């Protein structure tokens, strides 16, 4: 694998984790109101 492929894979994982956590945070805040 090239450096660019590794960087792209890491960015993709971070993006998926960010959206996953962001969705949980929004649901958590809404459920507390």
N, C-alpha and C. Protein backbone atom coordinates (compact mmCIF):
# COMPACT_ATOMS: atom_id res chain seq x y z
N UNK A 1 0.84 -1.21 0.00
CA UNK A 1 0.00 0.00 0.00
C UNK A 1 0.88 1.25 0.00
N UNK A 2 0.43 2.26 -0.71
CA UNK A 2 1.18 3.51 -0.75
C UNK A 2 0.79 4.40 0.42
N UNK A 3 1.58 5.43 0.64
CA UNK A 3 1.32 6.35 1.75
C UNK A 3 -0.04 7.03 1.58
N UNK A 4 -0.39 7.36 0.32
CA UNK A 4 -1.65 8.04 0.06
C UNK A 4 -2.83 7.13 0.39
N UNK A 5 -2.72 5.84 0.06
CA UNK A 5 -3.80 4.90 0.35
C UNK A 5 -3.99 4.75 1.85
N UNK A 6 -2.88 4.69 2.60
CA UNK A 6 -2.96 4.55 4.05
C UNK A 6 -3.61 5.80 4.66
N UNK A 7 -3.19 6.97 4.18
CA UNK A 7 -3.76 8.21 4.70
C UNK A 7 -5.25 8.28 4.42
N UNK A 8 -5.66 7.89 3.23
CA UNK A 8 -7.07 7.92 2.86
C UNK A 8 -7.88 6.96 3.73
N UNK A 9 -7.32 5.77 4.00
CA UNK A 9 -8.02 4.79 4.83
C UNK A 9 -8.20 5.32 6.24
N UNK A 10 -7.16 5.96 6.79
CA UNK A 10 -7.24 6.50 8.15
C UNK A 10 -8.28 7.62 8.20
N UNK A 11 -8.27 8.50 7.18
CA UNK A 11 -9.25 9.60 7.15
C UNK A 11 -10.67 9.05 7.09
N UNK A 12 -10.86 7.98 6.32
CA UNK A 12 -12.19 7.38 6.21
C UNK A 12 -12.65 6.83 7.55
N UNK A 13 -11.75 6.15 8.26
CA UNK A 13 -12.10 5.61 9.57
C UNK A 13 -12.45 6.72 10.55
N UNK A 14 -11.67 7.80 10.53
CA UNK A 14 -11.94 8.92 11.44
C UNK A 14 -13.30 9.54 11.11
N UNK A 15 -13.59 9.69 9.80
CA UNK A 15 -14.87 10.28 9.41
C UNK A 15 -16.03 9.40 9.88
N UNK A 16 -15.92 8.10 9.70
CA UNK A 16 -16.99 7.19 10.13
C UNK A 16 -17.17 7.25 11.64
N UNK A 17 -16.06 7.24 12.37
CA UNK A 17 -16.14 7.29 13.83
C UNK A 17 -16.75 8.62 14.28
N UNK A 18 -16.39 9.71 13.59
CA UNK A 18 -16.91 11.04 13.96
C UNK A 18 -18.42 11.08 13.77
N UNK A 19 -18.92 10.62 12.60
CA UNK A 19 -20.36 10.63 12.36
C UNK A 19 -21.07 9.72 13.35
N UNK A 20 -20.47 8.57 13.67
CA UNK A 20 -21.08 7.62 14.60
C UNK A 20 -21.22 8.24 15.99
N UNK A 21 -20.13 8.86 16.48
CA UNK A 21 -20.16 9.48 17.80
C UNK A 21 -21.07 10.70 17.81
N UNK A 22 -21.03 11.49 16.74
CA UNK A 22 -21.86 12.69 16.67
C UNK A 22 -23.34 12.31 16.74
N UNK A 23 -23.71 11.23 16.06
CA UNK A 23 -25.09 10.77 16.09
C UNK A 23 -25.49 10.36 17.50
N UNK A 24 -24.61 9.69 18.22
CA UNK A 24 -24.90 9.27 19.58
C UNK A 24 -25.02 10.47 20.51
N UNK A 25 -24.17 11.47 20.32
CA UNK A 25 -24.22 12.67 21.17
C UNK A 25 -25.54 13.40 20.95
N UNK A 26 -25.97 13.54 19.70
CA UNK A 26 -27.22 14.23 19.41
C UNK A 26 -28.39 13.48 20.04
N UNK A 27 -28.41 12.15 19.91
CA UNK A 27 -29.49 11.37 20.51
C UNK A 27 -29.46 11.49 22.03
N UNK A 28 -28.27 11.52 22.62
CA UNK A 28 -28.14 11.61 24.07
C UNK A 28 -28.66 12.95 24.57
N UNK A 29 -28.31 14.03 23.86
CA UNK A 29 -28.76 15.36 24.27
C UNK A 29 -30.28 15.48 24.12
N UNK A 30 -30.83 14.94 23.05
CA UNK A 30 -32.27 15.03 22.83
C UNK A 30 -33.02 14.24 23.90
N UNK A 31 -32.49 13.09 24.29
CA UNK A 31 -33.19 12.25 25.27
C UNK A 31 -33.15 12.88 26.66
N UNK A 32 -32.20 13.78 26.91
CA UNK A 32 -32.11 14.41 28.23
C UNK A 32 -33.06 15.59 28.37
N UNK A 33 -33.50 16.15 27.24
CA UNK A 33 -34.38 17.32 27.33
C UNK A 33 -35.78 16.90 27.78
